[in-house]
Amino acid sequence: MLNADLSLRVVIDTGAVPWTPSPEPGVARRMLERHGPESGRATSIVRYAAGATFPIHEHPLGEEIFVLEGAFSDHLGDYPAGTFVLNPPGSRHAPQSASGCTLFVKLCQYAGEGRERRVIDTARMEWRPWLRPGTWAKDLYRDERHREYITLLKWDAGLVYPHHTHRGGEEILVLEGTLADGAGSYPRGTWIRDPKMSAHAPFTREGCVFWMKLGGF
């Protein structure tokens, strides 16, 4: 068990977390969150060495992947940096990387009743204006029934966002620049998990890009 209490706030500099070997040679992980055994709920940074492969396996409760660096592949296709992949419950694949890659991976996050497979190359998407001037978004997944949303956000330098509450909780991975709030400053590579009903007033001095998930706790 690692950071398994979803009622607690967690802030991790992922670059400072040691790499630990996975069950397969050439694949290592920086574990951020884990609930139970190998097949349980988990959040991690995963690194594939060039030529590393993983045998075909099933994800009973689904999988979410965001490719941070390099190119990831499975028997269904190739996914360059910036690609978001959602594999629904019961899906199977045989992942690999010819040139090596680094991924942000979430397993067993939500049973996903009605979820469908999704592959989005965010590098090909245009930023759309978001909720306030100076904020921009690329939508990755929305489930209005369960109030679960996954989005890439870009905030302009100097942006100050009003104080607000996340009723369903919030999760962030900072991809570029630095995000901040009253509790601290979060540079690139910081993973944040704020529990249900948490509140803050985030801002950025230099501008930033981050992956954000609301709900799904």
C-alpha atoms as a PDB file:
ATOM      1  CA  MET A   1       0.000   0.000   0.000  1.00  0.00           C
ATOM      2  CA  LEU A   2       1.330   3.414  -0.976  1.00  0.00           C
ATOM      3  CA  ASN A   3      -0.590   6.701  -0.615  1.00  0.00           C
ATOM      4  CA  ALA A   4      -3.733   4.569  -0.535  1.00  0.00           C
ATOM      5  CA  ASP A   5      -5.796   6.865   1.703  1.00  0.00           C
ATOM      6  CA  LEU A   6      -7.737   8.990  -0.788  1.00  0.00           C
ATOM      7  CA  SER A   7      -8.793  11.394   1.959  1.00  0.00           C
ATOM      8  CA  LEU A   8      -5.212  12.696   2.256  1.00  0.00           C
ATOM      9  CA  ARG A   9      -3.446  15.247   0.075  1.00  0.00           C
ATOM     10  CA  VAL A  10      -0.321  13.956  -1.679  1.00  0.00           C
ATOM     11  CA  VAL A  11       2.400  16.006  -3.408  1.00  0.00           C
ATOM     12  CA  ILE A  12       5.337  14.154  -4.993  1.00  0.00           C
ATOM     13  CA  ASP A  13       8.343  15.300  -7.013  1.00  0.00           C
ATOM     14  CA  THR A  14       8.290  12.320  -9.362  1.00  0.00           C
ATOM     15  CA  GLY A  15      11.885  12.932 -10.429  1.00  0.00           C
ATOM     16  CA  ALA A  16      13.027  12.210  -6.872  1.00  0.00           C
ATOM     17  CA  VAL A  17      11.256   8.842  -6.647  1.00  0.00           C
ATOM     18  CA  PRO A  18      13.630   5.894  -7.243  1.00  0.00           C
ATOM     19  CA  TRP A  19      13.061   3.582 -10.185  1.00  0.00           C
ATOM     20  CA  THR A  20      12.040   0.074  -9.172  1.00  0.00           C
ATOM     21  CA  PRO A  21      12.008  -2.914 -11.541  1.00  0.00           C
ATOM     22  CA  SER A  22       8.717  -4.275 -12.851  1.00  0.00           C
ATOM     23  CA  PRO A  23       8.098  -8.005 -13.380  1.00  0.00           C
ATOM     24  CA  GLU A  24       9.479  -7.638 -16.935  1.00  0.00           C
ATOM     25  CA  PRO A  25      13.133  -6.854 -17.865  1.00  0.00           C
ATOM     26  CA  GLY A  26      13.695  -3.374 -19.270  1.00  0.00           C
ATOM     27  CA  VAL A  27      10.569  -1.879 -17.665  1.00  0.00           C
ATOM     28  CA  ALA A  28      10.935   0.189 -14.483  1.00  0.00           C
ATOM     29  CA  ARG A  29       8.502   2.245 -12.424  1.00  0.00           C
ATOM     30  CA  ARG A  30       8.313   5.185 -10.096  1.00  0.00           C
ATOM     31  CA  MET A  31       5.387   4.264  -7.856  1.00  0.00           C
ATOM     32  CA  LEU A  32       3.173   7.157  -6.735  1.00  0.00           C
ATOM     33  CA  GLU A  33       0.057   5.401  -5.507  1.00  0.00           C
ATOM     34  CA  ARG A  34      -0.763   1.748  -4.978  1.00  0.00           C
ATOM     35  CA  HIS A  35      -3.678  -0.124  -3.446  1.00  0.00           C
ATOM     36  CA  GLY A  36      -2.929  -3.801  -2.955  1.00  0.00           C
ATOM     37  CA  PRO A  37      -1.227  -6.293  -5.299  1.00  0.00           C
ATOM     38  CA  GLU A  38       0.269  -5.945  -8.773  1.00  0.00           C
ATOM     39  CA  SER A  39      -3.170  -5.961 -10.391  1.00  0.00           C
ATOM     40  CA  GLY A  40      -4.665  -3.351  -8.024  1.00  0.00           C
ATOM     41  CA  ARG A  41      -5.280   0.365  -8.326  1.00  0.00           C
ATOM     42  CA  ALA A  42      -2.019   2.181  -9.062  1.00  0.00           C
ATOM     43  CA  THR A  43      -0.555   5.415 -10.381  1.00  0.00           C
ATOM     44  CA  SER A  44       3.041   5.444 -11.605  1.00  0.00           C
ATOM     45  CA  ILE A  45       5.630   6.788 -13.991  1.00  0.00           C
ATOM     46  CA  VAL A  46       6.732   3.876 -16.195  1.00  0.00           C
ATOM     47  CA  ARG A  47       9.946   3.728 -18.252  1.00  0.00           C
ATOM     48  CA  TYR A  48      10.519   1.294 -21.123  1.00  0.00           C
ATOM     49  CA  ALA A  49      14.093   0.777 -22.276  1.00  0.00           C
ATOM     50  CA  ALA A  50      14.587   0.540 -26.035  1.00  0.00           C
ATOM     51  CA  GLY A  51      13.316  -2.831 -27.190  1.00  0.00           C
ATOM     52  CA  ALA A  52      11.507  -3.645 -23.929  1.00  0.00           C
ATOM     53  CA  THR A  53       8.287  -5.628 -24.169  1.00  0.00           C
ATOM     54  CA  PHE A  54       5.510  -6.748 -21.855  1.00  0.00           C
ATOM     55  CA  PRO A  55       3.525  -9.947 -22.514  1.00  0.00           C
ATOM     56  CA  ILE A  56      -0.123  -9.660 -23.470  1.00  0.00           C
ATOM     57  CA  HIS A  57      -2.277  -9.090 -20.405  1.00  0.00           C
ATOM     58  CA  GLU A  58      -5.737  -7.940 -19.413  1.00  0.00           C
ATOM     59  CA  HIS A  59      -6.838  -4.846 -17.493  1.00  0.00           C
ATOM     60  CA  PRO A  60      -9.991  -5.950 -15.653  1.00  0.00           C
ATOM     61  CA  LEU A  61     -10.719  -2.409 -14.454  1.00  0.00           C
ATOM     62  CA  GLY A  62      -9.102  -0.483 -17.287  1.00  0.00           C
ATOM     63  CA  GLU A  63      -5.975   1.583 -17.819  1.00  0.00           C
ATOM     64  CA  GLU A  64      -5.158   5.228 -18.597  1.00  0.00           C
ATOM     65  CA  ILE A  65      -1.858   6.191 -20.262  1.00  0.00           C
ATOM     66  CA  PHE A  66      -0.288   9.527 -21.163  1.00  0.00           C
ATOM     67  CA  VAL A  67       2.954   9.247 -23.146  1.00  0.00           C
ATOM     68  CA  LEU A  68       5.477  11.702 -21.672  1.00  0.00           C
ATOM     69  CA  GLU A  69       8.547  10.922 -23.808  1.00  0.00           C
ATOM     70  CA  GLY A  70       9.486   8.653 -26.705  1.00  0.00           C
ATOM     71  CA  ALA A  71       7.072   6.327 -28.485  1.00  0.00           C
ATOM     72  CA  PHE A  72       4.938   3.611 -26.932  1.00  0.00           C
ATOM     73  CA  SER A  73       3.365   0.748 -28.900  1.00  0.00           C
ATOM     74  CA  ASP A  74       1.125  -2.276 -28.579  1.00  0.00           C
ATOM     75  CA  HIS A  75      -0.472  -4.699 -31.005  1.00  0.00           C
ATOM     76  CA  LEU A  76      -3.076  -2.035 -31.869  1.00  0.00           C
ATOM     77  CA  GLY A  77      -0.759   0.810 -32.857  1.00  0.00           C
ATOM     78  CA  ASP A  78       2.016   3.301 -32.086  1.00  0.00           C
ATOM     79  CA  TYR A  79       1.619   6.237 -29.689  1.00  0.00           C
ATOM     80  CA  PRO A  80       4.104   9.151 -29.781  1.00  0.00           C
ATOM     81  CA  ALA A  81       4.759  11.604 -26.954  1.00  0.00           C
ATOM     82  CA  GLY A  82       1.616  13.505 -26.060  1.00  0.00           C
ATOM     83  CA  THR A  83      -0.750  10.629 -26.781  1.00  0.00           C
ATOM     84  CA  PHE A  84      -3.536   9.762 -24.353  1.00  0.00           C
ATOM     85  CA  VAL A  85      -4.739   6.149 -24.377  1.00  0.00           C
ATOM     86  CA  LEU A  86      -7.748   4.878 -22.442  1.00  0.00           C
ATOM     87  CA  ASN A  87      -8.106   1.098 -22.387  1.00  0.00           C
ATOM     88  CA  PRO A  88     -11.518   0.138 -20.955  1.00  0.00           C
ATOM     89  CA  PRO A  89     -12.256  -2.631 -18.450  1.00  0.00           C
ATOM     90  CA  GLY A  90     -11.535  -6.087 -19.841  1.00  0.00           C
ATOM     91  CA  SER A  91      -9.182  -4.826 -22.567  1.00  0.00           C
ATOM     92  CA  ARG A  92      -6.007  -6.734 -23.461  1.00  0.00           C
ATOM     93  CA  HIS A  93      -2.748  -5.619 -25.065  1.00  0.00           C
ATOM     94  CA  ALA A  94       0.939  -6.461 -25.459  1.00  0.00           C
ATOM     95  CA  PRO A  95       2.846  -3.195 -24.825  1.00  0.00           C
ATOM     96  CA  GLN A  96       6.360  -2.481 -26.074  1.00  0.00           C
ATOM     97  CA  SER A  97       8.693   0.319 -27.137  1.00  0.00           C
ATOM     98  CA  ALA A  98      11.217   0.018 -29.949  1.00  0.00           C
ATOM     99  CA  SER A  99      13.062   3.239 -29.091  1.00  0.00           C
ATOM    100  CA  GLY A 100      12.200   3.576 -25.397  1.00  0.00           C
ATOM    101  CA  CYS A 101       9.585   5.750 -23.718  1.00  0.00           C
ATOM    102  CA  THR A 102       8.309   7.208 -20.457  1.00  0.00           C
ATOM    103  CA  LEU A 103       4.626   7.009 -19.521  1.00  0.00           C
ATOM    104  CA  PHE A 104       2.229   8.284 -16.885  1.00  0.00           C
ATOM    105  CA  VAL A 105       0.023   5.270 -16.122  1.00  0.00           C
ATOM    106  CA  LYS A 106      -3.110   4.793 -14.020  1.00  0.00           C
ATOM    107  CA  LEU A 107      -4.570   1.332 -13.428  1.00  0.00           C
ATOM    108  CA  CYS A 108      -7.965   0.306 -12.049  1.00  0.00           C
ATOM    109  CA  GLN A 109      -9.042   3.882 -11.470  1.00  0.00           C
ATOM    110  CA  TYR A 110     -12.722   3.359 -12.073  1.00  0.00           C
ATOM    111  CA  ALA A 111     -14.784   0.349 -13.092  1.00  0.00           C
ATOM    112  CA  GLY A 112     -15.764   2.393 -16.140  1.00  0.00           C
ATOM    113  CA  GLU A 113     -19.224   1.111 -16.867  1.00  0.00           C
ATOM    114  CA  GLY A 114     -19.821   2.078 -20.501  1.00  0.00           C
ATOM    115  CA  ARG A 115     -16.265   3.279 -21.138  1.00  0.00           C
ATOM    116  CA  GLU A 116     -14.876   2.830 -24.648  1.00  0.00           C
ATOM    117  CA  ARG A 117     -11.285   2.715 -25.875  1.00  0.00           C
ATOM    118  CA  ARG A 118      -9.872   6.119 -26.712  1.00  0.00           C
ATOM    119  CA  VAL A 119      -6.615   7.170 -28.401  1.00  0.00           C
ATOM    120  CA  ILE A 120      -5.898  10.923 -28.707  1.00  0.00           C
ATOM    121  CA  ASP A 121      -2.719  12.435 -30.158  1.00  0.00           C
ATOM    122  CA  THR A 122      -2.812  15.749 -28.307  1.00  0.00           C
ATOM    123  CA  ALA A 123       0.005  17.175 -30.467  1.00  0.00           C
ATOM    124  CA  ARG A 124      -2.510  17.297 -33.315  1.00  0.00           C
ATOM    125  CA  MET A 125      -5.139  19.148 -31.267  1.00  0.00           C
ATOM    126  CA  GLU A 126      -5.635  22.895 -31.045  1.00  0.00           C
ATOM    127  CA  TRP A 127      -5.841  24.560 -27.659  1.00  0.00           C
ATOM    128  CA  ARG A 128      -9.362  25.863 -27.046  1.00  0.00           C
ATOM    129  CA  PRO A 129     -10.210  28.727 -24.682  1.00  0.00           C
ATOM    130  CA  TRP A 130     -11.126  27.338 -21.269  1.00  0.00           C
ATOM    131  CA  LEU A 131     -13.065  28.791 -18.343  1.00  0.00           C
ATOM    132  CA  ARG A 132     -11.195  32.085 -17.910  1.00  0.00           C
ATOM    133  CA  PRO A 133      -9.015  34.366 -20.072  1.00  0.00           C
ATOM    134  CA  GLY A 134      -5.474  33.022 -20.203  1.00  0.00           C
ATOM    135  CA  THR A 135      -6.540  29.394 -19.710  1.00  0.00           C
ATOM    136  CA  TRP A 136      -6.606  26.824 -22.523  1.00  0.00           C
ATOM    137  CA  ALA A 137      -7.680  23.194 -22.719  1.00  0.00           C
ATOM    138  CA  LYS A 138      -7.477  19.965 -24.698  1.00  0.00           C
ATOM    139  CA  ASP A 139     -10.258  17.619 -23.575  1.00  0.00           C
ATOM    140  CA  LEU A 140      -9.289  13.954 -23.204  1.00  0.00           C
ATOM    141  CA  TYR A 141     -12.239  12.305 -21.453  1.00  0.00           C
ATOM    142  CA  ARG A 142     -15.598  13.358 -20.028  1.00  0.00           C
ATOM    143  CA  ASP A 143     -18.180  11.276 -18.183  1.00  0.00           C
ATOM    144  CA  GLU A 144     -21.065  13.464 -17.060  1.00  0.00           C
ATOM    145  CA  ARG A 145     -22.810  10.567 -15.302  1.00  0.00           C
ATOM    146  CA  HIS A 146     -19.937  10.016 -12.898  1.00  0.00           C
ATOM    147  CA  ARG A 147     -18.564  13.575 -13.038  1.00  0.00           C
ATOM    148  CA  GLU A 148     -15.163  12.421 -14.189  1.00  0.00           C
ATOM    149  CA  TYR A 149     -13.069  14.669 -16.470  1.00  0.00           C
ATOM    150  CA  ILE A 150      -9.534  14.334 -17.855  1.00  0.00           C
ATOM    151  CA  THR A 151      -8.005  17.394 -19.518  1.00  0.00           C
ATOM    152  CA  LEU A 152      -4.727  18.978 -20.583  1.00  0.00           C
ATOM    153  CA  LEU A 153      -4.563  22.595 -19.426  1.00  0.00           C
ATOM    154  CA  LYS A 154      -2.277  25.460 -20.413  1.00  0.00           C
ATOM    155  CA  TRP A 155      -2.175  28.611 -18.301  1.00  0.00           C
ATOM    156  CA  ASP A 156      -0.569  31.847 -19.466  1.00  0.00           C
ATOM    157  CA  ALA A 157       2.147  33.525 -17.401  1.00  0.00           C
ATOM    158  CA  GLY A 158       0.742  35.575 -14.536  1.00  0.00           C
ATOM    159  CA  LEU A 159      -2.584  33.732 -14.439  1.00  0.00           C
ATOM    160  CA  VAL A 160      -4.322  33.779 -11.052  1.00  0.00           C
ATOM    161  CA  TYR A 161      -7.322  31.459 -10.718  1.00  0.00           C
ATOM    162  CA  PRO A 162     -10.047  32.227  -8.146  1.00  0.00           C
ATOM    163  CA  HIS A 163     -10.383  30.200  -4.980  1.00  0.00           C
ATOM    164  CA  HIS A 164     -12.581  27.150  -5.622  1.00  0.00           C
ATOM    165  CA  THR A 165     -13.532  23.732  -4.249  1.00  0.00           C
ATOM    166  CA  HIS A 166     -13.125  20.350  -5.959  1.00  0.00           C
ATOM    167  CA  ARG A 167     -16.120  18.398  -4.730  1.00  0.00           C
ATOM    168  CA  GLY A 168     -14.979  15.196  -6.428  1.00  0.00           C
ATOM    169  CA  GLY A 169     -11.256  15.666  -5.820  1.00  0.00           C
ATOM    170  CA  GLU A 170      -8.505  16.688  -8.227  1.00  0.00           C
ATOM    171  CA  GLU A 171      -5.320  15.121  -9.566  1.00  0.00           C
ATOM    172  CA  ILE A 172      -2.555  16.975 -11.439  1.00  0.00           C
ATOM    173  CA  LEU A 173       0.719  16.126 -13.172  1.00  0.00           C
ATOM    174  CA  VAL A 174       2.731  19.233 -14.113  1.00  0.00           C
ATOM    175  CA  LEU A 175       4.183  18.792 -17.609  1.00  0.00           C
ATOM    176  CA  GLU A 176       5.786  22.203 -18.255  1.00  0.00           C
ATOM    177  CA  GLY A 177       6.535  25.311 -16.203  1.00  0.00           C
ATOM    178  CA  THR A 178       5.470  25.771 -12.576  1.00  0.00           C
ATOM    179  CA  LEU A 179       2.038  25.726 -10.962  1.00  0.00           C
ATOM    180  CA  ALA A 180       1.520  27.136  -7.458  1.00  0.00           C
ATOM    181  CA  ASP A 181      -1.064  27.784  -4.767  1.00  0.00           C
ATOM    182  CA  GLY A 182      -1.129  28.879  -1.151  1.00  0.00           C
ATOM    183  CA  ALA A 183       0.407  25.572  -0.040  1.00  0.00           C
ATOM    184  CA  GLY A 184       3.464  25.571  -2.299  1.00  0.00           C
ATOM    185  CA  SER A 185       5.092  25.655  -5.722  1.00  0.00           C
ATOM    186  CA  TYR A 186       4.958  22.695  -8.113  1.00  0.00           C
ATOM    187  CA  PRO A 187       7.522  22.531 -10.946  1.00  0.00           C
ATOM    188  CA  ARG A 188       7.545  20.162 -13.887  1.00  0.00           C
ATOM    189  CA  GLY A 189       7.200  16.537 -12.832  1.00  0.00           C
ATOM    190  CA  THR A 190       5.148  17.225  -9.699  1.00  0.00           C
ATOM    191  CA  TRP A 191       2.195  14.909  -9.057  1.00  0.00           C
ATOM    192  CA  ILE A 192      -0.588  16.244  -6.832  1.00  0.00           C
ATOM    193  CA  ARG A 193      -3.651  14.429  -5.521  1.00  0.00           C
ATOM    194  CA  ASP A 194      -6.156  16.596  -3.672  1.00  0.00           C
ATOM    195  CA  PRO A 195      -9.048  14.801  -1.922  1.00  0.00           C
ATOM    196  CA  LYS A 196     -12.772  15.414  -2.247  1.00  0.00           C
ATOM    197  CA  MET A 197     -13.914  18.861  -1.079  1.00  0.00           C
ATOM    198  CA  SER A 198     -10.370  20.262  -1.181  1.00  0.00           C
ATOM    199  CA  ALA A 199     -10.058  23.949  -2.031  1.00  0.00           C
ATOM    200  CA  HIS A 200      -7.297  26.252  -3.288  1.00  0.00           C
ATOM    201  CA  ALA A 201      -6.506  29.323  -5.378  1.00  0.00           C
ATOM    202  CA  PRO A 202      -3.890  28.198  -7.949  1.00  0.00           C
ATOM    203  CA  PHE A 203      -1.692  30.513 -10.010  1.00  0.00           C
ATOM    204  CA  THR A 204       1.369  30.501 -12.239  1.00  0.00           C
ATOM    205  CA  ARG A 205       4.039  33.166 -12.602  1.00  0.00           C
ATOM    206  CA  GLU A 206       5.875  31.753 -15.644  1.00  0.00           C
ATOM    207  CA  GLY A 207       3.047  29.809 -17.278  1.00  0.00           C
ATOM    208  CA  CYS A 208       2.492  26.072 -17.171  1.00  0.00           C
ATOM    209  CA  VAL A 209       0.970  23.019 -18.824  1.00  0.00           C
ATOM    210  CA  PHE A 210      -0.537  20.227 -16.756  1.00  0.00           C
ATOM    211  CA  TRP A 211      -2.611  17.053 -16.991  1.00  0.00           C
ATOM    212  CA  MET A 212      -5.669  17.241 -14.759  1.00  0.00           C
ATOM    213  CA  LYS A 213      -8.255  14.719 -13.644  1.00  0.00           C
ATOM    214  CA  LEU A 214     -11.382  15.717 -11.730  1.00  0.00           C
ATOM    215  CA  GLY A 215     -13.466  13.100  -9.948  1.00  0.00           C
ATOM    216  CA  GLY A 216     -13.025   9.369 -10.326  1.00  0.00           C
ATOM    217  CA  PHE A 217     -11.892   8.952  -6.724  1.00  0.00           C
END
